[in-house]
Amino acid sequence: MTRIEERIAQAHRDLEEIAEQVAQGELDEETAGRLRERYEDEIRQLQGDDEADDSPEVISGKWLLGIGGALVIIIAVLIIVVRANTDSAAGVEGVAEDVVTGESVDLDSVTNEQLEAVVAQNPNIPGMRLALADRYFFEGDFSNALTHYMYLLEDLGVQDSGALANVGWMTYQSGRPDLAESFVVESLAVLPNNGNALWYLANIRFFGLGDAAGAAEPLRQLLGYENVPDEVRTAAEDLLADVEASL
């Protein structure tokens, strides 16, 4: 079975699990509807039937621009990411389910400590752990982010593109561009139009590995999308100019 066939099969299993969670009262119909739509969109895209225009996916709605080693967080006006490779119903679109009351809770109103407690009580729910790991990552708390991402990737076996890309970026920041590249390449194998991963890969190859030719490829792919925010496009164009000048 090819990787694409495996992902299609996993999406179908996720749809079946959603139906089971609704039947058991573990998932409300509104959240289930959002999840069904996302997994069905993923299946259509993988089968080549998706009619949506080409747009880079943005993990957690943010781009990390690592220009010359500096981190600048830019909020992107693009699609909010579809966590296509998780089988969790929790922690999606900033909404979690209170494990005590069963009511929906806005994650923005939940502290890191509260999220940690929920994750500790429900260690094998990927979505909640992803939400917490992403929060740590974008706060710059790489130590805690890495702990949760690696639990997802290694202990739960969740091959999430955003988690892989972010682990790659943190690995690069720690001075291991060779290992960082492998994480980001794997991230793009899971989700080829992950805009964050394309940007990470270009920076890792150019600044970390001195591979200008390898850096140009993901930048050109990124710039080939129509709906890239102006700030990101400008940064990518500037970096590509530097890359091409060094070839």
Protein backbone atom coordinates (compact mmCIF):
# COMPACT_ATOMS: atom_id res chain seq x y z
CA MET A 1 0.00 0.00 0.00
CA THR A 2 1.37 3.41 -0.95
CA ARG A 3 1.64 6.33 1.50
CA ILE A 4 -1.34 8.04 -0.17
CA GLU A 5 -3.44 4.87 0.06
CA GLU A 6 -2.49 4.55 3.73
CA ARG A 7 -3.58 8.13 4.42
CA ILE A 8 -6.90 7.59 2.61
CA ALA A 9 -7.50 4.42 4.62
CA GLN A 10 -6.64 6.26 7.86
CA ALA A 11 -9.06 9.07 6.99
CA HIS A 12 -11.84 6.51 6.46
CA ARG A 13 -11.01 4.93 9.84
CA ASP A 14 -11.15 8.38 11.42
CA LEU A 15 -14.61 8.94 9.94
CA GLU A 16 -15.76 5.63 11.41
CA GLU A 17 -14.35 6.61 14.80
CA ILE A 18 -16.21 9.93 14.69
CA ALA A 19 -19.46 8.04 14.11
CA GLU A 20 -18.69 5.80 17.09
CA GLN A 21 -17.88 8.78 19.32
CA VAL A 22 -21.16 10.47 18.38
CA ALA A 23 -23.11 7.28 19.06
CA GLN A 24 -21.45 6.93 22.46
CA GLY A 25 -22.10 10.56 23.36
CA GLU A 26 -18.41 11.39 23.46
CA LEU A 27 -18.63 13.97 20.68
CA ASP A 28 -21.24 16.60 19.91
CA GLU A 29 -22.74 16.75 16.43
CA GLU A 30 -21.39 20.23 15.61
CA THR A 31 -17.77 19.23 16.27
CA ALA A 32 -18.35 15.90 14.52
CA GLY A 33 -19.61 17.75 11.45
CA ARG A 34 -16.47 19.88 11.28
CA LEU A 35 -14.28 16.82 11.60
CA ARG A 36 -16.23 14.86 8.97
CA GLU A 37 -15.89 17.74 6.52
CA ARG A 38 -12.15 17.89 7.07
CA TYR A 39 -11.50 14.19 6.66
CA GLU A 40 -13.76 14.09 3.59
CA ASP A 41 -11.84 17.06 2.13
CA GLU A 42 -8.59 15.22 2.77
CA ILE A 43 -9.87 12.11 1.00
CA ARG A 44 -10.96 14.18 -2.02
CA GLN A 45 -7.60 15.92 -2.14
CA LEU A 46 -5.65 12.67 -1.90
CA GLN A 47 -7.78 11.16 -4.65
CA GLY A 48 -7.15 14.18 -6.85
CA ASP A 49 -10.79 15.33 -6.84
CA ASP A 50 -10.41 18.46 -4.76
CA GLU A 51 -11.47 21.54 -6.76
CA ALA A 52 -10.17 24.06 -4.24
CA ASP A 53 -7.45 26.43 -5.48
CA ASP A 54 -3.87 25.71 -4.53
CA SER A 55 -3.07 27.19 -1.15
CA PRO A 56 -0.34 26.34 1.30
CA GLU A 57 -1.58 24.83 4.52
CA VAL A 58 -0.65 26.79 7.64
CA ILE A 59 -0.17 24.92 10.87
CA SER A 60 -1.96 26.75 13.69
CA GLY A 61 -2.54 29.74 11.40
CA LYS A 62 1.01 31.04 11.89
CA TRP A 63 4.20 31.22 9.86
CA LEU A 64 7.58 31.20 11.51
CA LEU A 65 9.97 33.24 9.42
CA GLY A 66 13.54 32.36 10.33
CA ILE A 67 15.47 35.00 8.39
CA GLY A 68 19.17 34.85 9.19
CA GLY A 69 18.43 32.82 12.30
CA ALA A 70 15.93 35.30 13.77
CA LEU A 71 12.38 34.23 14.59
CA VAL A 72 9.59 36.53 13.52
CA ILE A 73 6.02 35.37 14.05
CA ILE A 74 3.58 36.52 11.41
CA ILE A 75 -0.12 35.83 11.65
CA ALA A 76 -1.19 34.55 8.25
CA VAL A 77 -4.46 35.38 6.49
CA LEU A 78 -4.76 31.90 5.05
CA ILE A 79 -6.59 28.68 5.66
CA ILE A 80 -6.49 27.46 9.25
CA VAL A 81 -4.82 24.09 9.15
CA VAL A 82 -6.64 20.82 8.88
CA ARG A 83 -4.99 18.44 11.28
CA ALA A 84 -5.55 15.72 8.72
CA ASN A 85 -3.49 12.99 10.32
CA THR A 86 -4.87 12.94 13.85
CA ASP A 87 -7.69 10.71 14.98
CA SER A 88 -8.71 12.93 17.86
CA ALA A 89 -11.93 14.84 18.26
CA ALA A 90 -10.54 17.11 20.95
CA GLY A 91 -8.40 20.20 20.64
CA VAL A 92 -9.67 21.11 17.16
CA GLU A 93 -10.10 24.75 16.11
CA GLY A 94 -9.33 26.00 19.60
CA VAL A 95 -12.21 24.14 21.20
CA ALA A 96 -11.76 21.42 23.79
CA GLU A 97 -14.24 19.34 25.73
CA ASP A 98 -14.22 19.77 29.48
CA VAL A 99 -13.54 16.28 30.82
CA VAL A 100 -15.72 16.90 33.86
CA THR A 101 -18.78 18.69 32.47
CA GLY A 102 -18.58 17.56 28.84
CA GLU A 103 -19.18 21.15 27.72
CA SER A 104 -17.20 22.87 24.97
CA VAL A 105 -14.47 25.19 26.23
CA ASP A 106 -12.58 27.89 24.33
CA LEU A 107 -8.91 26.91 24.55
CA ASP A 108 -7.90 30.58 24.67
CA SER A 109 -9.45 30.73 28.14
CA VAL A 110 -7.51 27.70 29.39
CA THR A 111 -4.07 28.11 30.94
CA ASN A 112 -1.08 25.93 30.11
CA GLU A 113 -1.30 24.39 33.56
CA GLN A 114 -4.94 23.47 33.06
CA LEU A 115 -4.18 21.96 29.66
CA GLU A 116 -1.29 20.00 31.16
CA ALA A 117 -3.66 18.55 33.77
CA VAL A 118 -6.17 17.51 31.10
CA VAL A 119 -3.45 15.96 28.94
CA ALA A 120 -2.10 14.08 31.97
CA GLN A 121 -5.57 12.65 32.58
CA ASN A 122 -6.03 11.81 28.89
CA PRO A 123 -2.51 11.01 27.65
CA ASN A 124 -3.54 9.27 24.46
CA ILE A 125 -5.81 11.96 22.99
CA PRO A 126 -3.67 13.44 20.19
CA GLY A 127 -5.67 16.60 19.51
CA MET A 128 -5.41 17.97 23.02
CA ARG A 129 -1.69 17.24 23.21
CA LEU A 130 -1.17 18.86 19.80
CA ALA A 131 -2.95 21.99 20.97
CA LEU A 132 -0.70 22.19 24.03
CA ALA A 133 2.49 21.45 22.07
CA ASP A 134 1.62 24.09 19.47
CA ARG A 135 0.95 26.62 22.21
CA TYR A 136 4.36 25.98 23.78
CA PHE A 137 6.03 26.12 20.38
CA PHE A 138 4.61 29.50 19.39
CA GLU A 139 5.41 30.84 22.88
CA GLY A 140 9.03 29.84 22.29
CA ASP A 141 9.00 27.21 25.04
CA PHE A 142 10.77 24.62 22.93
CA SER A 143 11.59 22.25 25.78
CA ASN A 144 7.96 21.61 26.71
CA ALA A 145 6.86 21.68 23.07
CA LEU A 146 9.39 19.01 22.14
CA THR A 147 8.30 16.75 25.00
CA HIS A 148 4.70 16.70 23.76
CA TYR A 149 5.52 16.52 20.06
CA MET A 150 7.83 13.54 20.57
CA TYR A 151 5.21 11.76 22.69
CA LEU A 152 2.80 12.16 19.77
CA LEU A 153 5.30 11.04 17.16
CA GLU A 154 6.97 8.20 19.04
CA ASP A 155 4.58 6.95 21.73
CA LEU A 156 1.28 7.49 19.90
CA GLY A 157 2.64 7.05 16.37
CA VAL A 158 0.79 10.15 15.11
CA GLN A 159 2.51 11.27 11.90
CA ASP A 160 1.34 14.87 12.05
CA SER A 161 2.89 17.24 9.50
CA GLY A 162 2.86 20.23 11.83
CA ALA A 163 4.48 18.32 14.67
CA LEU A 164 7.19 16.95 12.39
CA ALA A 165 7.90 20.37 10.90
CA ASN A 166 8.06 22.09 14.26
CA VAL A 167 10.34 19.41 15.70
CA GLY A 168 12.54 19.96 12.66
CA TRP A 169 12.66 23.70 13.28
CA MET A 170 13.51 23.25 16.96
CA THR A 171 16.21 20.75 16.02
CA TYR A 172 17.67 23.31 13.62
CA GLN A 173 17.64 25.95 16.34
CA SER A 174 19.56 23.54 18.57
CA GLY A 175 22.36 23.30 15.99
CA ARG A 176 21.50 20.06 14.13
CA PRO A 177 20.52 21.13 10.61
CA ASP A 178 21.17 17.66 9.17
CA LEU A 179 18.70 15.97 11.52
CA ALA A 180 16.33 18.96 11.25
CA GLU A 181 16.14 18.53 7.49
CA SER A 182 15.01 14.91 7.82
CA PHE A 183 12.12 15.87 10.11
CA VAL A 184 10.92 18.60 7.76
CA VAL A 185 11.24 16.40 4.67
CA GLU A 186 9.08 13.81 6.46
CA SER A 187 6.59 16.56 7.32
CA LEU A 188 6.24 17.42 3.64
CA ALA A 189 5.80 13.75 2.77
CA VAL A 190 2.73 13.81 5.02
CA LEU A 191 1.42 17.18 3.81
CA PRO A 192 3.24 18.42 0.66
CA ASN A 193 1.74 21.92 0.77
CA ASN A 194 2.60 22.62 4.41
CA GLY A 195 3.68 26.25 4.04
CA ASN A 196 5.52 26.33 7.36
CA ALA A 197 7.55 23.25 6.43
CA LEU A 198 8.49 24.68 3.03
CA TRP A 199 9.77 27.82 4.71
CA TYR A 200 11.64 25.85 7.37
CA LEU A 201 13.26 23.61 4.78
CA ALA A 202 14.52 26.54 2.72
CA ASN A 203 16.08 28.18 5.77
CA ILE A 204 17.58 24.96 7.10
CA ARG A 205 19.17 24.10 3.77
CA PHE A 206 20.45 27.58 2.97
CA PHE A 207 21.61 28.84 6.36
CA GLY A 208 22.27 25.53 8.09
CA LEU A 209 23.56 23.22 5.36
CA GLY A 210 24.86 25.67 2.78
CA ASP A 211 22.67 23.99 0.16
CA ALA A 212 21.47 26.84 -2.05
CA ALA A 213 20.10 24.61 -4.80
CA GLY A 214 18.13 22.59 -2.26
CA ALA A 215 16.80 25.76 -0.64
CA ALA A 216 15.53 27.18 -3.92
CA GLU A 217 13.13 24.28 -4.52
CA PRO A 218 10.82 24.75 -1.50
CA LEU A 219 10.89 28.54 -1.93
CA ARG A 220 9.74 28.27 -5.54
CA GLN A 221 7.02 25.86 -4.50
CA LEU A 222 5.87 28.24 -1.78
CA LEU A 223 5.85 31.22 -4.14
CA GLY A 224 3.88 29.17 -6.66
CA TYR A 225 0.79 29.30 -4.43
CA GLU A 226 -1.66 32.13 -5.02
CA ASN A 227 -2.85 32.84 -1.49
CA VAL A 228 0.44 33.48 0.26
CA PRO A 229 0.23 36.53 2.59
CA ASP A 230 2.10 39.60 1.36
CA GLU A 231 4.51 39.55 4.31
CA VAL A 232 5.41 35.93 3.67
CA ARG A 233 5.70 36.38 -0.09
CA THR A 234 8.05 39.32 0.33
CA ALA A 235 10.25 37.41 2.75
CA ALA A 236 10.30 34.34 0.50
CA GLU A 237 11.15 36.44 -2.56
CA ASP A 238 13.98 38.16 -0.70
CA LEU A 239 15.39 34.85 0.51
CA LEU A 240 15.09 33.31 -2.96
CA ALA A 241 17.01 36.25 -4.42
CA ASP A 242 19.81 35.61 -1.91
CA VAL A 243 19.72 31.90 -2.67
CA GLU A 244 19.87 32.37 -6.44
CA ALA A 245 22.67 34.92 -6.11
CA SER A 246 24.76 32.30 -4.35
CA LEU A 247 24.25 29.60 -6.97
